[in-house]
N, C-alpha and C. Protein backbone atom coordinates (compact mmCIF):
# COMPACT_ATOMS: atom_id res chain seq x y z
N MET A 1 100.47 118.45 70.06
CA MET A 1 100.00 117.10 70.28
C MET A 1 100.26 116.72 71.75
N VAL A 2 99.25 116.19 72.40
CA VAL A 2 99.38 115.76 73.79
C VAL A 2 99.58 114.26 73.81
N LEU A 3 100.63 113.84 74.50
CA LEU A 3 100.89 112.42 74.64
C LEU A 3 100.41 111.99 76.02
N TRP A 4 99.53 111.02 76.07
CA TRP A 4 99.03 110.50 77.33
C TRP A 4 99.85 109.27 77.67
N ARG A 5 100.41 109.29 78.83
CA ARG A 5 101.18 108.12 79.23
C ARG A 5 100.26 107.10 79.88
N LYS A 6 100.65 105.87 79.75
CA LYS A 6 99.88 104.80 80.36
C LYS A 6 100.01 104.91 81.88
N LYS A 7 98.90 104.76 82.57
CA LYS A 7 98.91 104.82 84.02
C LYS A 7 99.72 103.65 84.57
N THR A 8 100.67 103.96 85.41
CA THR A 8 101.50 102.92 86.01
C THR A 8 100.81 102.34 87.23
N GLU A 9 101.33 101.22 87.69
CA GLU A 9 100.79 100.59 88.88
C GLU A 9 100.91 101.54 90.07
N ARG A 10 102.03 102.26 90.16
CA ARG A 10 102.23 103.23 91.24
C ARG A 10 101.16 104.30 91.19
N ASP A 11 100.86 104.81 90.01
CA ASP A 11 99.81 105.83 89.86
C ASP A 11 98.47 105.29 90.36
N ARG A 12 98.17 104.05 90.02
CA ARG A 12 96.90 103.47 90.44
C ARG A 12 96.85 103.32 91.96
N LEU A 13 97.96 102.88 92.54
CA LEU A 13 97.99 102.69 93.98
C LEU A 13 97.90 104.01 94.76
N LEU A 14 98.27 105.11 94.13
CA LEU A 14 98.19 106.41 94.80
C LEU A 14 96.79 107.02 94.73
N GLU A 15 95.89 106.39 93.99
CA GLU A 15 94.50 106.85 93.96
C GLU A 15 93.82 106.42 95.26
N VAL A 16 92.83 107.17 95.67
CA VAL A 16 92.08 106.82 96.88
C VAL A 16 91.26 105.57 96.62
N ARG A 17 91.34 104.63 97.53
CA ARG A 17 90.53 103.41 97.41
C ARG A 17 89.15 103.71 98.00
N PRO A 18 88.11 103.61 97.20
CA PRO A 18 86.76 103.94 97.69
C PRO A 18 86.34 103.10 98.89
N ARG A 19 85.75 103.75 99.86
CA ARG A 19 85.15 103.12 101.04
C ARG A 19 86.13 102.29 101.87
N PHE A 20 87.42 102.65 101.83
CA PHE A 20 88.39 101.91 102.63
C PHE A 20 89.57 102.83 102.93
N ARG A 21 89.93 102.92 104.20
CA ARG A 21 91.09 103.72 104.59
C ARG A 21 91.92 102.95 105.60
N VAL A 22 93.21 103.21 105.58
CA VAL A 22 94.12 102.66 106.57
C VAL A 22 94.76 103.85 107.27
N ILE A 23 94.74 103.84 108.58
CA ILE A 23 95.29 104.94 109.36
C ILE A 23 96.43 104.44 110.24
N PHE A 24 97.56 105.11 110.19
CA PHE A 24 98.68 104.85 111.09
C PHE A 24 99.50 106.13 111.17
N SER A 25 100.33 106.21 112.19
CA SER A 25 101.10 107.43 112.44
C SER A 25 102.52 107.31 111.90
N ARG A 26 103.21 108.44 111.87
CA ARG A 26 104.62 108.44 111.48
C ARG A 26 105.42 107.54 112.42
N SER A 27 105.10 107.62 113.71
CA SER A 27 105.86 106.83 114.68
C SER A 27 105.64 105.33 114.46
N GLN A 28 104.46 104.94 113.99
CA GLN A 28 104.23 103.52 113.68
C GLN A 28 105.03 103.09 112.46
N VAL A 29 105.14 103.97 111.47
CA VAL A 29 105.97 103.66 110.30
C VAL A 29 107.43 103.54 110.74
N ALA A 30 107.88 104.48 111.56
CA ALA A 30 109.26 104.44 112.05
C ALA A 30 109.51 103.17 112.86
N ALA A 31 108.59 102.80 113.73
CA ALA A 31 108.75 101.60 114.55
C ALA A 31 108.88 100.35 113.68
N SER A 32 108.11 100.30 112.59
CA SER A 32 108.20 99.16 111.68
C SER A 32 109.59 99.07 111.06
N HIS A 33 110.14 100.22 110.68
CA HIS A 33 111.49 100.22 110.12
C HIS A 33 112.53 99.81 111.16
N TRP A 34 112.38 100.29 112.39
CA TRP A 34 113.31 99.89 113.44
C TRP A 34 113.25 98.39 113.68
N ASP A 35 112.04 97.83 113.64
CA ASP A 35 111.88 96.38 113.84
C ASP A 35 112.68 95.57 112.83
N TYR A 36 112.83 96.11 111.62
CA TYR A 36 113.55 95.41 110.56
C TYR A 36 115.00 95.89 110.43
N GLY A 37 115.48 96.67 111.40
CA GLY A 37 116.86 97.14 111.38
C GLY A 37 117.14 98.22 110.35
N GLU A 38 116.11 98.89 109.89
CA GLU A 38 116.25 99.96 108.89
C GLU A 38 116.24 101.31 109.60
N ASP A 39 117.29 101.55 110.41
CA ASP A 39 117.33 102.74 111.26
C ASP A 39 117.29 104.05 110.47
N ASP A 40 118.00 104.11 109.34
CA ASP A 40 118.00 105.34 108.53
C ASP A 40 116.60 105.66 108.01
N LEU A 41 115.88 104.64 107.57
CA LEU A 41 114.51 104.85 107.08
C LEU A 41 113.58 105.24 108.23
N ALA A 42 113.83 104.71 109.42
CA ALA A 42 113.01 105.06 110.58
C ALA A 42 113.14 106.54 110.88
N VAL A 43 114.35 107.06 110.83
CA VAL A 43 114.57 108.49 111.08
C VAL A 43 113.86 109.32 110.01
N GLN A 44 113.94 108.89 108.76
CA GLN A 44 113.25 109.61 107.68
C GLN A 44 111.74 109.57 107.88
N ALA A 45 111.22 108.46 108.36
CA ALA A 45 109.77 108.34 108.57
C ALA A 45 109.26 109.35 109.58
N ILE A 46 110.02 109.58 110.63
CA ILE A 46 109.61 110.56 111.64
C ILE A 46 109.49 111.94 111.03
N GLY A 47 110.35 112.27 110.07
CA GLY A 47 110.34 113.60 109.47
C GLY A 47 109.57 113.73 108.17
N MET A 48 108.84 112.68 107.77
CA MET A 48 108.14 112.76 106.48
C MET A 48 107.01 113.79 106.51
N THR A 49 106.67 114.29 105.35
CA THR A 49 105.61 115.29 105.23
C THR A 49 104.24 114.64 105.38
N ASP A 50 103.24 115.48 105.63
CA ASP A 50 101.86 114.98 105.68
C ASP A 50 101.48 114.35 104.35
N GLU A 51 101.94 114.93 103.25
CA GLU A 51 101.62 114.41 101.92
C GLU A 51 102.23 113.01 101.72
N ASP A 52 103.48 112.83 102.16
CA ASP A 52 104.11 111.51 102.05
C ASP A 52 103.37 110.47 102.89
N LEU A 53 102.98 110.84 104.11
CA LEU A 53 102.25 109.92 104.97
C LEU A 53 100.91 109.54 104.33
N ALA A 54 100.23 110.52 103.75
CA ALA A 54 98.94 110.25 103.08
C ALA A 54 99.14 109.31 101.89
N SER A 55 100.22 109.49 101.15
CA SER A 55 100.51 108.61 100.01
C SER A 55 100.74 107.17 100.47
N ILE A 56 101.49 107.00 101.54
CA ILE A 56 101.76 105.66 102.05
C ILE A 56 100.46 105.02 102.53
N ARG A 57 99.60 105.79 103.18
CA ARG A 57 98.31 105.25 103.64
C ARG A 57 97.45 104.81 102.46
N ARG A 58 97.44 105.61 101.37
CA ARG A 58 96.63 105.25 100.20
C ARG A 58 97.14 103.94 99.59
N ILE A 59 98.46 103.82 99.47
CA ILE A 59 99.03 102.59 98.91
C ILE A 59 98.70 101.41 99.81
N ASP A 60 98.84 101.59 101.11
CA ASP A 60 98.57 100.49 102.04
C ASP A 60 97.11 100.05 101.97
N ALA A 61 96.20 100.99 101.74
CA ALA A 61 94.78 100.62 101.62
C ALA A 61 94.57 99.65 100.47
N TRP A 62 95.27 99.86 99.36
CA TRP A 62 95.15 98.93 98.23
C TRP A 62 95.79 97.59 98.55
N LEU A 63 96.93 97.61 99.24
CA LEU A 63 97.63 96.36 99.54
C LEU A 63 96.89 95.52 100.58
N GLU A 64 95.99 96.13 101.34
CA GLU A 64 95.17 95.39 102.31
C GLU A 64 94.04 94.62 101.64
N ASP A 65 93.77 94.92 100.38
CA ASP A 65 92.71 94.24 99.64
C ASP A 65 93.16 92.80 99.34
N PRO A 66 92.44 91.80 99.86
CA PRO A 66 92.86 90.41 99.64
C PRO A 66 92.93 90.02 98.17
N SER A 67 92.22 90.73 97.30
CA SER A 67 92.25 90.37 95.88
C SER A 67 93.41 91.04 95.14
N TYR A 68 94.16 91.92 95.83
CA TYR A 68 95.31 92.57 95.18
C TYR A 68 96.45 91.56 95.07
N PRO A 69 96.96 91.34 93.87
CA PRO A 69 97.99 90.31 93.68
C PRO A 69 99.38 90.80 94.10
N LEU A 70 99.83 90.40 95.28
CA LEU A 70 101.15 90.79 95.74
C LEU A 70 102.21 89.99 95.00
N PRO A 71 103.34 90.63 94.70
CA PRO A 71 104.41 89.87 94.03
C PRO A 71 105.03 88.88 94.99
N LEU A 72 105.36 87.72 94.49
CA LEU A 72 105.97 86.69 95.32
C LEU A 72 107.45 86.54 95.03
N GLU A 73 107.95 87.26 94.05
CA GLU A 73 109.34 87.16 93.68
C GLU A 73 110.24 87.59 94.84
N GLY A 74 111.22 86.79 95.12
CA GLY A 74 112.16 87.12 96.18
C GLY A 74 111.72 86.70 97.56
N GLN A 75 110.51 86.23 97.70
CA GLN A 75 110.03 85.78 99.01
C GLN A 75 110.22 84.27 99.10
N ARG A 76 110.50 83.83 100.31
CA ARG A 76 110.63 82.39 100.52
C ARG A 76 109.26 81.75 100.44
N GLN A 77 109.18 80.70 99.70
CA GLN A 77 107.94 79.96 99.55
C GLN A 77 107.92 78.84 100.58
N PRO A 78 106.76 78.55 101.16
CA PRO A 78 106.71 77.46 102.14
C PRO A 78 107.08 76.13 101.48
N THR A 79 107.81 75.33 102.21
CA THR A 79 108.20 74.02 101.68
C THR A 79 107.23 72.97 102.20
N THR A 80 106.98 72.01 101.37
CA THR A 80 106.12 70.91 101.77
C THR A 80 106.97 69.67 101.98
N THR A 81 106.64 68.92 102.98
CA THR A 81 107.43 67.71 103.24
C THR A 81 106.55 66.49 103.20
């Protein structure tokens, strides 16, 4: 018997987004981590594999879609006065 698991959100985000690509380099990923004080992650970004970089690009392509619902939990919400 084959059990099919439900596709997770991560699985969906790792699929190629049709007709849309985001391109950036390892050094740009590292620079973003350095900007946020995440030095250990910046070093890891420089050494990431081509496959890892491609996965991050695929995920980013989905997150660039304005209709993709980003989670707001943990983020500061603007205050109205």
